[in-house]
């Protein structure tokens, strides 16, 4: 038994289970993963929440475009994945935005502000970061509640 962040994890079984200190057992086989490869899943649903991996414009015509085009593509991809997971932008709880250059903050926000439904803005963090490819200007990860 290993204690991690207030959870007791029994790693001595073939199937790993997590037991909260309050004796509520959580079965990790209840995790639903979609579009999974050896490195990541695009969608993970668990415990009534939807988690999306970082979304970029990679692989699209917008991948070499400006921050406006890339932000529009990223938000479109988020819409599609959330719909597939049974959620929507109105159900966002948290968003983390990574910008290659923080000088793009205002232009990214102009697209974001048109996309977010008034009154439903999630908790949000924006940071400047190096991204996976030189052409990528923005990446976003989100957590949402189901519809």
C-alpha atoms as a PDB file:
ATOM      1  CA  UNK A   1       0.000   0.000   0.000  1.00  0.00           C
ATOM      2  CA  UNK A   2       1.374   3.405  -1.018  1.00  0.00           C
ATOM      3  CA  UNK A   3      -0.034   6.703   0.266  1.00  0.00           C
ATOM      4  CA  UNK A   4      -0.174   9.454  -2.376  1.00  0.00           C
ATOM      5  CA  UNK A   5      -2.017  12.771  -1.972  1.00  0.00           C
ATOM      6  CA  UNK A   6      -4.405  11.353   0.606  1.00  0.00           C
ATOM      7  CA  UNK A   7      -5.103   8.216  -1.424  1.00  0.00           C
ATOM      8  CA  UNK A   8      -4.044   4.714  -0.505  1.00  0.00           C
ATOM      9  CA  UNK A   9      -2.957   2.806  -3.601  1.00  0.00           C
ATOM     10  CA  UNK A  10      -2.675  -0.981  -3.493  1.00  0.00           C
ATOM     11  CA  UNK A  11       0.013  -1.819  -6.034  1.00  0.00           C
ATOM     12  CA  UNK A  12       0.282  -5.476  -5.006  1.00  0.00           C
ATOM     13  CA  UNK A  13      -2.597  -6.653  -7.190  1.00  0.00           C
ATOM     14  CA  UNK A  14      -2.783  -7.333 -10.895  1.00  0.00           C
ATOM     15  CA  UNK A  15      -5.591  -4.779 -11.154  1.00  0.00           C
ATOM     16  CA  UNK A  16      -4.629  -1.556  -9.451  1.00  0.00           C
ATOM     17  CA  UNK A  17      -7.356  -0.042  -7.304  1.00  0.00           C
ATOM     18  CA  UNK A  18      -7.316   3.175  -5.372  1.00  0.00           C
ATOM     19  CA  UNK A  19      -8.996   3.421  -1.997  1.00  0.00           C
ATOM     20  CA  UNK A  20      -9.705   6.796  -0.461  1.00  0.00           C
ATOM     21  CA  UNK A  21      -8.996   7.178   3.195  1.00  0.00           C
ATOM     22  CA  UNK A  22     -12.784   7.424   3.635  1.00  0.00           C
ATOM     23  CA  UNK A  23     -13.111   3.801   2.417  1.00  0.00           C
ATOM     24  CA  UNK A  24     -14.551   4.721  -0.973  1.00  0.00           C
ATOM     25  CA  UNK A  25     -13.031   2.380  -3.543  1.00  0.00           C
ATOM     26  CA  UNK A  26     -12.329   3.596  -7.038  1.00  0.00           C
ATOM     27  CA  UNK A  27     -11.734   1.063  -9.786  1.00  0.00           C
ATOM     28  CA  UNK A  28      -9.257   2.347 -12.348  1.00  0.00           C
ATOM     29  CA  UNK A  29     -10.904   0.182 -15.020  1.00  0.00           C
ATOM     30  CA  UNK A  30     -13.738   2.762 -14.969  1.00  0.00           C
ATOM     31  CA  UNK A  31     -11.452   5.146 -16.868  1.00  0.00           C
ATOM     32  CA  UNK A  32     -12.552   5.605 -20.484  1.00  0.00           C
ATOM     33  CA  UNK A  33      -9.858   6.494 -23.023  1.00  0.00           C
ATOM     34  CA  UNK A  34     -10.417   7.473 -26.666  1.00  0.00           C
ATOM     35  CA  UNK A  35      -7.958   7.956 -29.517  1.00  0.00           C
ATOM     36  CA  UNK A  36      -5.209   6.274 -27.518  1.00  0.00           C
ATOM     37  CA  UNK A  37      -1.717   5.484 -28.729  1.00  0.00           C
ATOM     38  CA  UNK A  38       1.450   4.459 -26.925  1.00  0.00           C
ATOM     39  CA  UNK A  39       2.068   8.018 -25.726  1.00  0.00           C
ATOM     40  CA  UNK A  40      -1.318   9.530 -24.895  1.00  0.00           C
ATOM     41  CA  UNK A  41      -5.083   9.570 -25.180  1.00  0.00           C
ATOM     42  CA  UNK A  42      -6.869  12.504 -26.786  1.00  0.00           C
ATOM     43  CA  UNK A  43      -9.853  12.072 -24.435  1.00  0.00           C
ATOM     44  CA  UNK A  44      -9.939  10.591 -20.936  1.00  0.00           C
ATOM     45  CA  UNK A  45     -13.213  10.420 -19.000  1.00  0.00           C
ATOM     46  CA  UNK A  46     -13.260   9.508 -15.336  1.00  0.00           C
ATOM     47  CA  UNK A  47     -15.131  10.408 -12.189  1.00  0.00           C
ATOM     48  CA  UNK A  48     -17.671  12.504 -14.073  1.00  0.00           C
ATOM     49  CA  UNK A  49     -15.006  14.656 -15.744  1.00  0.00           C
ATOM     50  CA  UNK A  50     -13.605  14.894 -19.271  1.00  0.00           C
ATOM     51  CA  UNK A  51      -9.899  15.580 -19.800  1.00  0.00           C
ATOM     52  CA  UNK A  52      -8.480  16.507 -23.216  1.00  0.00           C
ATOM     53  CA  UNK A  53      -4.831  16.261 -24.140  1.00  0.00           C
ATOM     54  CA  UNK A  54      -3.120  19.396 -25.403  1.00  0.00           C
ATOM     55  CA  UNK A  55      -4.698  20.572 -28.645  1.00  0.00           C
ATOM     56  CA  UNK A  56      -2.671  22.346 -31.328  1.00  0.00           C
ATOM     57  CA  UNK A  57      -3.163  23.193 -34.987  1.00  0.00           C
ATOM     58  CA  UNK A  58      -0.590  20.520 -35.932  1.00  0.00           C
ATOM     59  CA  UNK A  59      -1.491  18.636 -39.112  1.00  0.00           C
ATOM     60  CA  UNK A  60      -3.915  21.287 -40.353  1.00  0.00           C
ATOM     61  CA  UNK A  61      -3.557  24.069 -42.904  1.00  0.00           C
ATOM     62  CA  UNK A  62      -3.561  26.471 -39.931  1.00  0.00           C
ATOM     63  CA  UNK A  63      -0.392  24.914 -38.486  1.00  0.00           C
ATOM     64  CA  UNK A  64       1.753  27.482 -40.282  1.00  0.00           C
ATOM     65  CA  UNK A  65      -0.738  30.337 -39.858  1.00  0.00           C
ATOM     66  CA  UNK A  66      -0.758  33.210 -37.419  1.00  0.00           C
ATOM     67  CA  UNK A  67      -1.984  33.070 -33.828  1.00  0.00           C
ATOM     68  CA  UNK A  68      -5.557  33.887 -34.877  1.00  0.00           C
ATOM     69  CA  UNK A  69      -5.773  31.002 -37.352  1.00  0.00           C
ATOM     70  CA  UNK A  70      -4.119  28.553 -34.976  1.00  0.00           C
ATOM     71  CA  UNK A  71      -6.336  29.552 -32.047  1.00  0.00           C
ATOM     72  CA  UNK A  72      -9.457  29.093 -34.202  1.00  0.00           C
ATOM     73  CA  UNK A  73      -8.248  25.612 -35.216  1.00  0.00           C
ATOM     74  CA  UNK A  74      -7.426  24.624 -31.631  1.00  0.00           C
ATOM     75  CA  UNK A  75     -10.841  25.726 -30.373  1.00  0.00           C
ATOM     76  CA  UNK A  76     -12.561  23.888 -33.223  1.00  0.00           C
ATOM     77  CA  UNK A  77     -10.704  20.706 -32.259  1.00  0.00           C
ATOM     78  CA  UNK A  78     -11.663  21.187 -28.621  1.00  0.00           C
ATOM     79  CA  UNK A  79     -15.328  21.561 -29.655  1.00  0.00           C
ATOM     80  CA  UNK A  80     -15.172  18.309 -31.653  1.00  0.00           C
ATOM     81  CA  UNK A  81     -13.489  16.280 -28.931  1.00  0.00           C
ATOM     82  CA  UNK A  82     -15.775  17.623 -26.213  1.00  0.00           C
ATOM     83  CA  UNK A  83     -18.831  16.711 -28.321  1.00  0.00           C
ATOM     84  CA  UNK A  84     -17.454  13.201 -28.805  1.00  0.00           C
ATOM     85  CA  UNK A  85     -16.967  12.920 -25.045  1.00  0.00           C
ATOM     86  CA  UNK A  86     -20.506  14.126 -24.296  1.00  0.00           C
ATOM     87  CA  UNK A  87     -19.565  17.628 -23.196  1.00  0.00           C
ATOM     88  CA  UNK A  88     -19.288  21.132 -24.644  1.00  0.00           C
ATOM     89  CA  UNK A  89     -17.479  24.456 -24.243  1.00  0.00           C
ATOM     90  CA  UNK A  90     -20.229  25.619 -21.877  1.00  0.00           C
ATOM     91  CA  UNK A  91     -19.181  22.852 -19.453  1.00  0.00           C
ATOM     92  CA  UNK A  92     -15.467  23.772 -19.257  1.00  0.00           C
ATOM     93  CA  UNK A  93     -14.060  23.796 -15.742  1.00  0.00           C
ATOM     94  CA  UNK A  94     -10.420  24.566 -16.443  1.00  0.00           C
ATOM     95  CA  UNK A  95      -8.229  25.554 -19.397  1.00  0.00           C
ATOM     96  CA  UNK A  96      -4.461  25.852 -19.606  1.00  0.00           C
ATOM     97  CA  UNK A  97      -3.137  27.824 -22.569  1.00  0.00           C
ATOM     98  CA  UNK A  98       0.460  27.630 -23.716  1.00  0.00           C
ATOM     99  CA  UNK A  99       1.695  30.414 -25.999  1.00  0.00           C
ATOM    100  CA  UNK A 100       5.008  30.261 -27.831  1.00  0.00           C
ATOM    101  CA  UNK A 101       5.209  34.041 -27.467  1.00  0.00           C
ATOM    102  CA  UNK A 102       3.327  35.891 -24.742  1.00  0.00           C
ATOM    103  CA  UNK A 103       3.108  38.864 -27.131  1.00  0.00           C
ATOM    104  CA  UNK A 104       0.326  36.840 -28.854  1.00  0.00           C
ATOM    105  CA  UNK A 105      -1.822  37.023 -25.702  1.00  0.00           C
ATOM    106  CA  UNK A 106      -4.162  39.781 -26.938  1.00  0.00           C
ATOM    107  CA  UNK A 107      -4.688  38.218 -30.384  1.00  0.00           C
ATOM    108  CA  UNK A 108      -5.378  34.786 -28.844  1.00  0.00           C
ATOM    109  CA  UNK A 109      -7.800  36.389 -26.363  1.00  0.00           C
ATOM    110  CA  UNK A 110      -9.692  38.086 -29.208  1.00  0.00           C
ATOM    111  CA  UNK A 111     -10.497  34.644 -30.659  1.00  0.00           C
ATOM    112  CA  UNK A 112     -11.099  33.094 -27.218  1.00  0.00           C
ATOM    113  CA  UNK A 113     -13.525  35.853 -26.214  1.00  0.00           C
ATOM    114  CA  UNK A 114     -15.643  35.224 -29.334  1.00  0.00           C
ATOM    115  CA  UNK A 115     -15.637  31.467 -28.637  1.00  0.00           C
ATOM    116  CA  UNK A 116     -16.504  31.349 -24.922  1.00  0.00           C
ATOM    117  CA  UNK A 117     -20.196  31.652 -24.134  1.00  0.00           C
ATOM    118  CA  UNK A 118     -20.715  34.648 -21.803  1.00  0.00           C
ATOM    119  CA  UNK A 119     -21.091  33.538 -18.204  1.00  0.00           C
ATOM    120  CA  UNK A 120     -19.412  30.150 -18.735  1.00  0.00           C
ATOM    121  CA  UNK A 121     -15.709  31.062 -18.698  1.00  0.00           C
ATOM    122  CA  UNK A 122     -13.608  28.362 -17.007  1.00  0.00           C
ATOM    123  CA  UNK A 123     -10.763  28.797 -14.561  1.00  0.00           C
ATOM    124  CA  UNK A 124      -7.876  29.623 -16.891  1.00  0.00           C
ATOM    125  CA  UNK A 125      -4.102  29.868 -16.891  1.00  0.00           C
ATOM    126  CA  UNK A 126      -1.959  31.185 -19.741  1.00  0.00           C
ATOM    127  CA  UNK A 127       1.808  30.710 -19.855  1.00  0.00           C
ATOM    128  CA  UNK A 128       4.590  31.242 -22.342  1.00  0.00           C
ATOM    129  CA  UNK A 129       6.241  27.955 -23.334  1.00  0.00           C
ATOM    130  CA  UNK A 130       8.246  26.251 -26.035  1.00  0.00           C
ATOM    131  CA  UNK A 131       5.897  23.992 -27.981  1.00  0.00           C
ATOM    132  CA  UNK A 132       6.500  20.675 -29.764  1.00  0.00           C
ATOM    133  CA  UNK A 133       7.123  22.167 -33.219  1.00  0.00           C
ATOM    134  CA  UNK A 134       8.593  25.507 -34.236  1.00  0.00           C
ATOM    135  CA  UNK A 135       5.498  26.433 -36.271  1.00  0.00           C
ATOM    136  CA  UNK A 136       3.067  25.940 -33.373  1.00  0.00           C
ATOM    137  CA  UNK A 137       2.039  29.131 -31.590  1.00  0.00           C
ATOM    138  CA  UNK A 138      -0.651  27.903 -29.160  1.00  0.00           C
ATOM    139  CA  UNK A 139      -1.646  24.734 -27.306  1.00  0.00           C
ATOM    140  CA  UNK A 140      -4.618  24.283 -24.968  1.00  0.00           C
ATOM    141  CA  UNK A 141      -5.629  21.604 -22.494  1.00  0.00           C
ATOM    142  CA  UNK A 142      -9.084  21.499 -20.923  1.00  0.00           C
ATOM    143  CA  UNK A 143     -11.066  19.746 -18.230  1.00  0.00           C
ATOM    144  CA  UNK A 144     -14.856  19.711 -18.575  1.00  0.00           C
ATOM    145  CA  UNK A 145     -17.955  18.335 -16.917  1.00  0.00           C
ATOM    146  CA  UNK A 146     -20.234  16.145 -19.048  1.00  0.00           C
ATOM    147  CA  UNK A 147     -23.486  17.576 -20.452  1.00  0.00           C
END
